[in-house]
PDB file of N, CA and C in Angstrom:
ATOM      1  N   MET A   1     117.561  97.317  40.083  1.00  0.00           N
ATOM      2  CA  MET A   1     116.472  96.389  40.329  1.00  0.00           C
ATOM      3  C   MET A   1     115.342  96.589  39.319  1.00  0.00           C
ATOM      4  N   GLY A   2     115.412  97.656  38.539  1.00  0.00           N
ATOM      5  CA  GLY A   2     114.381  97.927  37.555  1.00  0.00           C
ATOM      6  C   GLY A   2     113.432  99.008  38.017  1.00  0.00           C
ATOM      7  N   ASN A   3     112.784  99.656  37.068  1.00  0.00           N
ATOM      8  CA  ASN A   3     111.809 100.714  37.347  1.00  0.00           C
ATOM      9  C   ASN A   3     112.359 101.808  38.254  1.00  0.00           C
ATOM     10  N   GLY A   4     113.652 102.087  38.156  1.00  0.00           N
ATOM     11  CA  GLY A   4     114.259 103.141  38.968  1.00  0.00           C
ATOM     12  C   GLY A   4     114.486 102.770  40.424  1.00  0.00           C
ATOM     13  N   VAL A   5     114.231 101.529  40.785  1.00  0.00           N
ATOM     14  CA  VAL A   5     114.439 101.072  42.167  1.00  0.00           C
ATOM     15  C   VAL A   5     115.899 100.671  42.319  1.00  0.00           C
ATOM     16  N   ILE A   6     116.557 101.233  43.318  1.00  0.00           N
ATOM     17  CA  ILE A   6     117.984 100.993  43.557  1.00  0.00           C
ATOM     18  C   ILE A   6     118.162 100.334  44.922  1.00  0.00           C
ATOM     19  N   LEU A   7     119.113  99.426  44.995  1.00  0.00           N
ATOM     20  CA  LEU A   7     119.456  98.790  46.266  1.00  0.00           C
ATOM     21  C   LEU A   7     120.930  99.056  46.522  1.00  0.00           C
ATOM     22  N   GLU A   8     121.226  99.954  47.466  1.00  0.00           N
ATOM     23  CA  GLU A   8     122.611 100.299  47.787  1.00  0.00           C
ATOM     24  C   GLU A   8     123.153  99.282  48.781  1.00  0.00           C
ATOM     25  N   MET A   9     124.304  98.706  48.435  1.00  0.00           N
ATOM     26  CA  MET A   9     124.902  97.653  49.254  1.00  0.00           C
ATOM     27  C   MET A   9     126.195  98.153  49.901  1.00  0.00           C
ATOM     28  N   VAL A  10     126.532  97.574  51.043  1.00  0.00           N
ATOM     29  CA  VAL A  10     127.804  97.859  51.712  1.00  0.00           C
ATOM     30  C   VAL A  10     128.527  96.536  51.960  1.00  0.00           C
ATOM     31  N   TYR A  11     129.838  96.600  51.957  1.00  0.00           N
ATOM     32  CA  TYR A  11     130.684  95.436  52.179  1.00  0.00           C
ATOM     33  C   TYR A  11     130.825  95.186  53.679  1.00  0.00           C
ATOM     34  N   ILE A  12     130.598  93.957  54.085  1.00  0.00           N
ATOM     35  CA  ILE A  12     130.784  93.553  55.480  1.00  0.00           C
ATOM     36  C   ILE A  12     131.944  92.561  55.509  1.00  0.00           C
ATOM     37  N   PRO A  13     133.041  92.915  56.182  1.00  0.00           N
ATOM     38  CA  PRO A  13     134.182  91.995  56.205  1.00  0.00           C
ATOM     39  C   PRO A  13     133.862  90.734  56.996  1.00  0.00           C
ATOM     40  N   GLY A  14     134.516  89.660  56.642  1.00  0.00           N
ATOM     41  CA  GLY A  14     134.344  88.403  57.360  1.00  0.00           C
ATOM     42  C   GLY A  14     134.944  88.483  58.751  1.00  0.00           C
ATOM     43  N   GLY A  15     134.663  87.499  59.541  1.00  0.00           N
ATOM     44  CA  GLY A  15     135.195  87.452  60.902  1.00  0.00           C
ATOM     45  C   GLY A  15     134.535  86.337  61.680  1.00  0.00           C
ATOM     46  N   SER A  16     134.696  86.389  62.976  1.00  0.00           N
ATOM     47  CA  SER A  16     134.087  85.366  63.829  1.00  0.00           C
ATOM     48  C   SER A  16     133.639  86.008  65.137  1.00  0.00           C
ATOM     49  N   PHE A  17     132.702  85.339  65.791  1.00  0.00           N
ATOM     50  CA  PHE A  17     132.238  85.786  67.103  1.00  0.00           C
ATOM     51  C   PHE A  17     131.694  84.584  67.854  1.00  0.00           C
ATOM     52  N   ILE A  18     131.579  84.744  69.159  1.00  0.00           N
ATOM     53  CA  ILE A  18     131.006  83.694  70.000  1.00  0.00           C
ATOM     54  C   ILE A  18     129.519  83.983  70.152  1.00  0.00           C
ATOM     55  N   MET A  19     128.698  83.028  69.757  1.00  0.00           N
ATOM     56  CA  MET A  19     127.245  83.179  69.855  1.00  0.00           C
ATOM     57  C   MET A  19     126.753  82.375  71.053  1.00  0.00           C
ATOM     58  N   GLY A  20     125.831  82.961  71.798  1.00  0.00           N
ATOM     59  CA  GLY A  20     125.280  82.305  72.975  1.00  0.00           C
ATOM     60  C   GLY A  20     125.800  82.953  74.238  1.00  0.00           C
ATOM     61  N   SER A  21     125.225  82.557  75.350  1.00  0.00           N
ATOM     62  CA  SER A  21     125.664  83.122  76.622  1.00  0.00           C
ATOM     63  C   SER A  21     126.202  82.002  77.512  1.00  0.00           C
ATOM     64  N   PRO A  22     127.128  82.357  78.402  1.00  0.00           N
ATOM     65  CA  PRO A  22     127.679  81.330  79.295  1.00  0.00           C
ATOM     66  C   PRO A  22     126.602  80.836  80.271  1.00  0.00           C
ATOM     67  N   GLU A  23     126.712  79.588  80.670  1.00  0.00           N
ATOM     68  CA  GLU A  23     125.730  79.014  81.586  1.00  0.00           C
ATOM     69  C   GLU A  23     125.703  79.726  82.927  1.00  0.00           C
ATOM     70  N   SER A  24     126.789  80.432  83.278  1.00  0.00           N
ATOM     71  CA  SER A  24     126.857  81.148  84.550  1.00  0.00           C
ATOM     72  C   SER A  24     126.119  82.489  84.511  1.00  0.00           C
ATOM     73  N   GLU A  25     125.678  82.930  83.346  1.00  0.00           N
ATOM     74  CA  GLU A  25     125.011  84.229  83.232  1.00  0.00           C
ATOM     75  C   GLU A  25     123.616  84.173  83.860  1.00  0.00           C
ATOM     76  N   LYS A  26     123.340  85.146  84.724  1.00  0.00           N
ATOM     77  CA  LYS A  26     122.042  85.203  85.381  1.00  0.00           C
ATOM     78  C   LYS A  26     120.962  85.589  84.376  1.00  0.00           C
ATOM     79  N   ARG A  27     119.778  85.073  84.592  1.00  0.00           N
ATOM     80  CA  ARG A  27     118.587  85.386  83.784  1.00  0.00           C
ATOM     81  C   ARG A  27     118.738  85.025  82.313  1.00  0.00           C
ATOM     82  N   ARG A  28     119.564  84.056  82.022  1.00  0.00           N
ATOM     83  CA  ARG A  28     119.719  83.609  80.638  1.00  0.00           C
ATOM     84  C   ARG A  28     118.629  82.607  80.305  1.00  0.00           C
ATOM     85  N   PHE A  29     118.335  82.487  79.044  1.00  0.00           N
ATOM     86  CA  PHE A  29     117.366  81.501  78.578  1.00  0.00           C
ATOM     87  C   PHE A  29     118.103  80.240  78.155  1.00  0.00           C
ATOM     88  N   HIS A  30     117.455  79.102  78.286  1.00  0.00           N
ATOM     89  CA  HIS A  30     118.098  77.839  77.915  1.00  0.00           C
ATOM     90  C   HIS A  30     118.412  77.790  76.416  1.00  0.00           C
ATOM     91  N   THR A  31     117.728  78.584  75.623  1.00  0.00           N
ATOM     92  CA  THR A  31     117.960  78.604  74.181  1.00  0.00           C
ATOM     93  C   THR A  31     119.230  79.369  73.793  1.00  0.00           C
ATOM     94  N   GLU A  32     119.911  79.963  74.780  1.00  0.00           N
ATOM     95  CA  GLU A  32     121.130  80.726  74.507  1.00  0.00           C
ATOM     96  C   GLU A  32     122.388  79.873  74.601  1.00  0.00           C
ATOM     97  N   SER A  33     122.225  78.573  74.648  1.00  0.00           N
ATOM     98  CA  SER A  33     123.394  77.710  74.738  1.00  0.00           C
ATOM     99  C   SER A  33     123.229  76.553  73.765  1.00  0.00           C
ATOM    100  N   PRO A  34     124.291  75.867  73.456  1.00  0.00           N
ATOM    101  CA  PRO A  34     125.639  76.099  73.966  1.00  0.00           C
ATOM    102  C   PRO A  34     126.312  77.258  73.233  1.00  0.00           C
ATOM    103  N   GLN A  35     127.280  77.845  73.894  1.00  0.00           N
ATOM    104  CA  GLN A  35     128.081  78.865  73.230  1.00  0.00           C
ATOM    105  C   GLN A  35     128.876  78.190  72.123  1.00  0.00           C
ATOM    106  N   HIS A  36     129.007  78.879  71.006  1.00  0.00           N
ATOM    107  CA  HIS A  36     129.780  78.319  69.907  1.00  0.00           C
ATOM    108  C   HIS A  36     130.314  79.442  69.027  1.00  0.00           C
ATOM    109  N   GLN A  37     131.395  79.141  68.361  1.00  0.00           N
ATOM    110  CA  GLN A  37     132.009  80.121  67.475  1.00  0.00           C
ATOM    111  C   GLN A  37     131.297  80.095  66.123  1.00  0.00           C
ATOM    112  N   VAL A  38     130.983  81.277  65.611  1.00  0.00           N
ATOM    113  CA  VAL A  38     130.387  81.426  64.288  1.00  0.00           C
ATOM    114  C   VAL A  38     131.407  82.140  63.417  1.00  0.00           C
ATOM    115  N   ILE A  39     131.706  81.566  62.260  1.00  0.00           N
ATOM    116  CA  ILE A  39     132.657  82.145  61.329  1.00  0.00           C
ATOM    117  C   ILE A  39     131.881  82.595  60.093  1.00  0.00           C
ATOM    118  N   LEU A  40     132.050  83.857  59.732  1.00  0.00           N
ATOM    119  CA  LEU A  40     131.358  84.417  58.574  1.00  0.00           C
ATOM    120  C   LEU A  40     132.343  84.812  57.488  1.00  0.00           C
ATOM    121  N   GLN A  41     131.997  84.497  56.272  1.00  0.00           N
ATOM    122  CA  GLN A  41     132.744  84.966  55.117  1.00  0.00           C
ATOM    123  C   GLN A  41     132.313  86.407  54.840  1.00  0.00           C
ATOM    124  N   PRO A  42     133.117  87.198  54.154  1.00  0.00           N
ATOM    125  CA  PRO A  42     132.703  88.557  53.808  1.00  0.00           C
ATOM    126  C   PRO A  42     131.427  88.512  52.954  1.00  0.00           C
ATOM    127  N   PHE A  43     130.587  89.534  53.072  1.00  0.00           N
ATOM    128  CA  PHE A  43     129.360  89.580  52.284  1.00  0.00           C
ATOM    129  C   PHE A  43     128.908  91.016  52.099  1.00  0.00           C
ATOM    130  N   TYR A  44     127.904  91.194  51.286  1.00  0.00           N
ATOM    131  CA  TYR A  44     127.293  92.504  51.049  1.00  0.00           C
ATOM    132  C   TYR A  44     125.895  92.501  51.649  1.00  0.00           C
ATOM    133  N   MET A  45     125.500  93.665  52.169  1.00  0.00           N
ATOM    134  CA  MET A  45     124.196  93.808  52.804  1.00  0.00           C
ATOM    135  C   MET A  45     123.610  95.159  52.417  1.00  0.00           C
ATOM    136  N   SER A  46     122.303  95.239  52.409  1.00  0.00           N
ATOM    137  CA  SER A  46     121.651  96.505  52.101  1.00  0.00           C
ATOM    138  C   SER A  46     122.092  97.573  53.101  1.00  0.00           C
ATOM    139  N   LYS A  47     122.384  98.760  52.600  1.00  0.00           N
ATOM    140  CA  LYS A  47     122.840  99.847  53.465  1.00  0.00           C
ATOM    141  C   LYS A  47     121.702 100.394  54.322  1.00  0.00           C
ATOM    142  N   TYR A  48     120.490 100.302  53.814  1.00  0.00           N
ATOM    143  CA  TYR A  48     119.318 100.851  54.501  1.00  0.00           C
ATOM    144  C   TYR A  48     118.246  99.774  54.626  1.00  0.00           C
ATOM    145  N   PRO A  49     117.270  99.974  55.506  1.00  0.00           N
ATOM    146  CA  PRO A  49     116.155  99.022  55.569  1.00  0.00           C
ATOM    147  C   PRO A  49     115.489  98.894  54.196  1.00  0.00           C
ATOM    148  N   ILE A  50     115.009  97.715  53.888  1.00  0.00           N
ATOM    149  CA  ILE A  50     114.369  97.460  52.599  1.00  0.00           C
ATOM    150  C   ILE A  50     113.053  98.232  52.518  1.00  0.00           C
ATOM    151  N   THR A  51     112.890  98.974  51.415  1.00  0.00           N
ATOM    152  CA  THR A  51     111.655  99.736  51.214  1.00  0.00           C
ATOM    153  C   THR A  51     110.601  98.839  50.564  1.00  0.00           C
ATOM    154  N   GLN A  52     109.373  99.321  50.563  1.00  0.00           N
ATOM    155  CA  GLN A  52     108.296  98.565  49.938  1.00  0.00           C
ATOM    156  C   GLN A  52     108.519  98.432  48.429  1.00  0.00           C
ATOM    157  N   ASP A  53     109.060  99.470  47.788  1.00  0.00           N
ATOM    158  CA  ASP A  53     109.373  99.368  46.358  1.00  0.00           C
ATOM    159  C   ASP A  53     110.414  98.282  46.104  1.00  0.00           C
ATOM    160  N   GLN A  54     111.438  98.208  46.947  1.00  0.00           N
ATOM    161  CA  GLN A  54     112.465  97.187  46.785  1.00  0.00           C
ATOM    162  C   GLN A  54     111.880  95.798  47.017  1.00  0.00           C
ATOM    163  N   TYR A  55     111.078  95.670  48.056  1.00  0.00           N
ATOM    164  CA  TYR A  55     110.456  94.378  48.351  1.00  0.00           C
ATOM    165  C   TYR A  55     109.578  93.942  47.182  1.00  0.00           C
ATOM    166  N   LEU A  56     108.821  94.881  46.629  1.00  0.00           N
ATOM    167  CA  LEU A  56     107.958  94.587  45.493  1.00  0.00           C
ATOM    168  C   LEU A  56     108.781  94.142  44.286  1.00  0.00           C
ATOM    169  N   ALA A  57     109.915  94.807  44.040  1.00  0.00           N
ATOM    170  CA  ALA A  57     110.779  94.438  42.918  1.00  0.00           C
ATOM    171  C   ALA A  57     111.349  93.029  43.089  1.00  0.00           C
ATOM    172  N   ILE A  58     111.626  92.624  44.321  1.00  0.00           N
ATOM    173  CA  ILE A  58     112.205  91.310  44.587  1.00  0.00           C
ATOM    174  C   ILE A  58     111.133  90.223  44.617  1.00  0.00           C
ATOM    175  N   MET A  59     110.054  90.478  45.356  1.00  0.00           N
ATOM    176  CA  MET A  59     109.067  89.437  45.630  1.00  0.00           C
ATOM    177  C   MET A  59     107.839  89.473  44.717  1.00  0.00           C
ATOM    178  N   GLY A  60     107.625  90.609  44.050  1.00  0.00           N
ATOM    179  CA  GLY A  60     106.474  90.708  43.169  1.00  0.00           C
ATOM    180  C   GLY A  60     105.168  91.002  43.877  1.00  0.00           C
ATOM    181  N   LYS A  61     105.226  91.325  45.144  1.00  0.00           N
ATOM    182  CA  LYS A  61     104.034  91.685  45.925  1.00  0.00           C
ATOM    183  C   LYS A  61     104.449  92.605  47.060  1.00  0.00           C
ATOM    184  N   ASN A  62     103.486  93.298  47.639  1.00  0.00           N
ATOM    185  CA  ASN A  62     103.756  94.195  48.766  1.00  0.00           C
ATOM    186  C   ASN A  62     102.652  94.030  49.802  1.00  0.00           C
ATOM    187  N   PRO A  63     102.850  93.145  50.782  1.00  0.00           N
ATOM    188  CA  PRO A  63     101.823  92.936  51.801  1.00  0.00           C
ATOM    189  C   PRO A  63     101.884  93.922  52.971  1.00  0.00           C
ATOM    190  N   SER A  64     102.652  95.010  52.830  1.00  0.00           N
ATOM    191  CA  SER A  64     102.755  95.985  53.917  1.00  0.00           C
ATOM    192  C   SER A  64     101.389  96.590  54.239  1.00  0.00           C
ATOM    193  N   TYR A  65     101.189  96.900  55.495  1.00  0.00           N
ATOM    194  CA  TYR A  65      99.939  97.506  55.942  1.00  0.00           C
ATOM    195  C   TYR A  65      99.935  99.011  55.683  1.00  0.00           C
ATOM    196  N   PHE A  66     101.027  99.682  56.039  1.00  0.00           N
ATOM    197  CA  PHE A  66     101.148 101.129  55.848  1.00  0.00           C
ATOM    198  C   PHE A  66     101.806 101.375  54.502  1.00  0.00           C
ATOM    199  N   LYS A  67     101.016 101.479  53.457  1.00  0.00           N
ATOM    200  CA  LYS A  67     101.511 101.555  52.082  1.00  0.00           C
ATOM    201  C   LYS A  67     102.270 102.849  51.802  1.00  0.00           C
ATOM    202  N   GLY A  68     103.296 102.725  50.988  1.00  0.00           N
ATOM    203  CA  GLY A  68     104.108 103.850  50.541  1.00  0.00           C
ATOM    204  C   GLY A  68     105.406 103.318  49.987  1.00  0.00           C
ATOM    205  N   GLY A  69     105.639 103.505  48.695  1.00  0.00           N
ATOM    206  CA  GLY A  69     106.783 102.893  48.030  1.00  0.00           C
ATOM    207  C   GLY A  69     108.123 103.116  48.685  1.00  0.00           C
ATOM    208  N   ASN A  70     108.339 104.305  49.255  1.00  0.00           N
ATOM    209  CA  ASN A  70     109.625 104.605  49.869  1.00  0.00           C
ATOM    210  C   ASN A  70     109.636 104.333  51.371  1.00  0.00           C
ATOM    211  N   ARG A  71     108.512 103.867  51.891  1.00  0.00           N
ATOM    212  CA  ARG A  71     108.456 103.504  53.315  1.00  0.00           C
ATOM    213  C   ARG A  71     109.138 102.158  53.521  1.00  0.00           C
ATOM    214  N   PRO A  72     109.627 101.909  54.730  1.00  0.00           N
ATOM    215  CA  PRO A  72     110.216 100.593  55.006  1.00  0.00           C
ATOM    216  C   PRO A  72     109.153  99.497  54.893  1.00  0.00           C
ATOM    217  N   PHE A  73     109.588  98.336  54.412  1.00  0.00           N
ATOM    218  CA  PHE A  73     108.709  97.175  54.408  1.00  0.00           C
ATOM    219  C   PHE A  73     108.510  96.765  55.861  1.00  0.00           C
ATOM    220  N   GLU A  74     107.254  96.692  56.331  1.00  0.00           N
ATOM    221  CA  GLU A  74     107.042  96.485  57.763  1.00  0.00           C
ATOM    222  C   GLU A  74     106.164  95.299  58.108  1.00  0.00           C
ATOM    223  N   ASN A  75     105.658  94.589  57.144  1.00  0.00           N
ATOM    224  CA  ASN A  75     104.780  93.469  57.468  1.00  0.00           C
ATOM    225  C   ASN A  75     105.624  92.262  57.829  1.00  0.00           C
ATOM    226  N   GLY A  76     105.511  91.816  59.058  1.00  0.00           N
ATOM    227  CA  GLY A  76     106.352  90.723  59.538  1.00  0.00           C
ATOM    228  C   GLY A  76     106.229  89.472  58.701  1.00  0.00           C
ATOM    229  N   ILE A  77     107.348  88.992  58.224  1.00  0.00           N
ATOM    230  CA  ILE A  77     107.407  87.736  57.504  1.00  0.00           C
ATOM    231  C   ILE A  77     108.375  86.835  58.240  1.00  0.00           C
ATOM    232  N   THR A  78     108.265  85.566  58.002  1.00  0.00           N
ATOM    233  CA  THR A  78     109.193  84.619  58.610  1.00  0.00           C
ATOM    234  C   THR A  78     110.171  84.141  57.551  1.00  0.00           C
ATOM    235  N   SER A  79     111.177  83.444  57.974  1.00  0.00           N
ATOM    236  CA  SER A  79     112.169  82.919  57.043  1.00  0.00           C
ATOM    237  C   SER A  79     111.523  81.959  56.052  1.00  0.00           C
ATOM    238  N   ARG A  80     110.419  81.329  56.434  1.00  0.00           N
ATOM    239  CA  ARG A  80     109.736  80.418  55.515  1.00  0.00           C
ATOM    240  C   ARG A  80     109.043  81.167  54.380  1.00  0.00           C
ATOM    241  N   ASP A  81     108.747  82.452  54.588  1.00  0.00           N
ATOM    242  CA  ASP A  81     108.084  83.248  53.560  1.00  0.00           C
ATOM    243  C   ASP A  81     109.053  83.778  52.514  1.00  0.00           C
ATOM    244  N   PHE A  82     110.335  83.747  52.824  1.00  0.00           N
ATOM    245  CA  PHE A  82     111.315  84.391  51.955  1.00  0.00           C
ATOM    246  C   PHE A  82     112.297  83.356  51.430  1.00  0.00           C
ATOM    247  N   PRO A  83     112.402  83.236  50.105  1.00  0.00           N
ATOM    248  CA  PRO A  83     113.366  82.280  49.554  1.00  0.00           C
ATOM    249  C   PRO A  83     114.795  82.726  49.820  1.00  0.00           C
ATOM    250  N   THR A  84     115.730  81.834  49.614  1.00  0.00           N
ATOM    251  CA  THR A  84     117.122  82.204  49.799  1.00  0.00           C
ATOM    252  C   THR A  84     117.498  83.279  48.789  1.00  0.00           C
ATOM    253  N   PRO A  85     118.375  84.206  49.158  1.00  0.00           N
ATOM    254  CA  PRO A  85     118.766  85.263  48.216  1.00  0.00           C
ATOM    255  C   PRO A  85     119.295  84.717  46.898  1.00  0.00           C
ATOM    256  N   CYS A  86     120.004  83.612  46.942  1.00  0.00           N
ATOM    257  CA  CYS A  86     120.599  83.092  45.711  1.00  0.00           C
ATOM    258  C   CYS A  86     119.563  82.489  44.770  1.00  0.00           C
ATOM    259  N   SER A  87     118.433  82.061  45.289  1.00  0.00           N
ATOM    260  CA  SER A  87     117.390  81.569  44.386  1.00  0.00           C
ATOM    261  C   SER A  87     116.722  82.732  43.667  1.00  0.00           C
ATOM    262  N   LEU A  88     116.766  83.931  44.258  1.00  0.00           N
ATOM    263  CA  LEU A  88     116.196  85.118  43.623  1.00  0.00           C
ATOM    264  C   LEU A  88     117.189  85.793  42.689  1.00  0.00           C
ATOM    265  N   PHE A  89     118.444  85.834  43.094  1.00  0.00           N
ATOM    266  CA  PHE A  89     119.466  86.572  42.345  1.00  0.00           C
ATOM    267  C   PHE A  89     120.689  85.701  42.091  1.00  0.00           C
ATOM    268  N   PRO A  90     120.592  84.692  41.244  1.00  0.00           N
ATOM    269  CA  PRO A  90     121.752  83.810  41.036  1.00  0.00           C
ATOM    270  C   PRO A  90     122.978  84.545  40.505  1.00  0.00           C
ATOM    271  N   VAL A  91     122.774  85.577  39.675  1.00  0.00           N
ATOM    272  CA  VAL A  91     123.930  86.329  39.155  1.00  0.00           C
ATOM    273  C   VAL A  91     124.601  87.087  40.282  1.00  0.00           C
ATOM    274  N   LEU A  92     123.801  87.716  41.162  1.00  0.00           N
ATOM    275  CA  LEU A  92     124.350  88.435  42.310  1.00  0.00           C
ATOM    276  C   LEU A  92     125.176  87.491  43.174  1.00  0.00           C
ATOM    277  N   CYS A  93     124.664  86.306  43.408  1.00  0.00           N
ATOM    278  CA  CYS A  93     125.377  85.350  44.269  1.00  0.00           C
ATOM    279  C   CYS A  93     126.637  84.811  43.612  1.00  0.00           C
ATOM    280  N   SER A  94     126.694  84.850  42.284  1.00  0.00           N
ATOM    281  CA  SER A  94     127.920  84.415  41.627  1.00  0.00           C
ATOM    282  C   SER A  94     129.019  85.478  41.755  1.00  0.00           C
ATOM    283  N   LEU A  95     128.613  86.729  42.020  1.00  0.00           N
ATOM    284  CA  LEU A  95     129.580  87.825  42.154  1.00  0.00           C
ATOM    285  C   LEU A  95     129.934  88.122  43.601  1.00  0.00           C
ATOM    286  N   PHE A  96     128.981  87.915  44.515  1.00  0.00           N
ATOM    287  CA  PHE A  96     129.160  88.283  45.913  1.00  0.00           C
ATOM    288  C   PHE A  96     128.809  87.105  46.807  1.00  0.00           C
ATOM    289  N   SER A  97     129.329  87.142  48.011  1.00  0.00           N
ATOM    290  CA  SER A  97     128.920  86.191  49.034  1.00  0.00           C
ATOM    291  C   SER A  97     127.726  86.795  49.763  1.00  0.00           C
ATOM    292  N   VAL A  98     126.593  86.111  49.729  1.00  0.00           N
ATOM    293  CA  VAL A  98     125.358  86.628  50.321  1.00  0.00           C
ATOM    294  C   VAL A  98     124.975  85.740  51.496  1.00  0.00           C
ATOM    295  N   PRO A  99     124.784  86.310  52.700  1.00  0.00           N
ATOM    296  CA  PRO A  99     124.467  85.479  53.860  1.00  0.00           C
ATOM    297  C   PRO A  99     123.033  84.980  53.810  1.00  0.00           C
ATOM    298  N   HIS A 100     122.796  83.885  54.457  1.00  0.00           N
ATOM    299  CA  HIS A 100     121.455  83.333  54.620  1.00  0.00           C
ATOM    300  C   HIS A 100     121.199  83.274  56.117  1.00  0.00           C
ATOM    301  N   TYR A 101     119.960  83.446  56.510  1.00  0.00           N
ATOM    302  CA  TYR A 101     119.658  83.497  57.940  1.00  0.00           C
ATOM    303  C   TYR A 101     120.129  82.250  58.672  1.00  0.00           C
ATOM    304  N   LEU A 102     120.204  81.097  58.020  1.00  0.00           N
ATOM    305  CA  LEU A 102     120.638  79.869  58.687  1.00  0.00           C
ATOM    306  C   LEU A 102     122.105  79.907  59.097  1.00  0.00           C
ATOM    307  N   THR A 103     122.882  80.814  58.490  1.00  0.00           N
ATOM    308  CA  THR A 103     124.300  80.950  58.844  1.00  0.00           C
ATOM    309  C   THR A 103     124.459  81.183  60.333  1.00  0.00           C
ATOM    310  N   PHE A 104     123.522  81.928  60.926  1.00  0.00           N
ATOM    311  CA  PHE A 104     123.643  82.311  62.322  1.00  0.00           C
ATOM    312  C   PHE A 104     123.006  81.322  63.274  1.00  0.00           C
ATOM    313  N   LEU A 105     122.367  80.271  62.753  1.00  0.00           N
ATOM    314  CA  LEU A 105     121.622  79.339  63.604  1.00  0.00           C
ATOM    315  C   LEU A 105     122.311  78.011  63.783  1.00  0.00           C
ATOM    316  N   LYS A 106     123.587  77.909  63.433  1.00  0.00           N
ATOM    317  CA  LYS A 106     124.307  76.639  63.555  1.00  0.00           C
ATOM    318  C   LYS A 106     124.415  76.204  64.983  1.00  0.00           C
TER     319      LYS A 106
END
């Protein structure tokens, strides 16, 4: 990533799972339905939580409150604050399948 910052990745095999809860489940929220199958292609993911140094290398800023380069990035961001991984790393995405948060929200 530059400046001695390393991002260790692990391979996650593809597969499928049922997302959501059955309507018969007690104390379920209405947002947990309908149940549906989610199919994922294999992808790579960071082996450890993203550090502030890594976040800074990717985003060019570090809005964390508890500063420390090797500390985990902890300032809550939303999906709207973070571009898609492929817009940041087009070469990485040409080599690997990288998930996007919307994959899980179908």
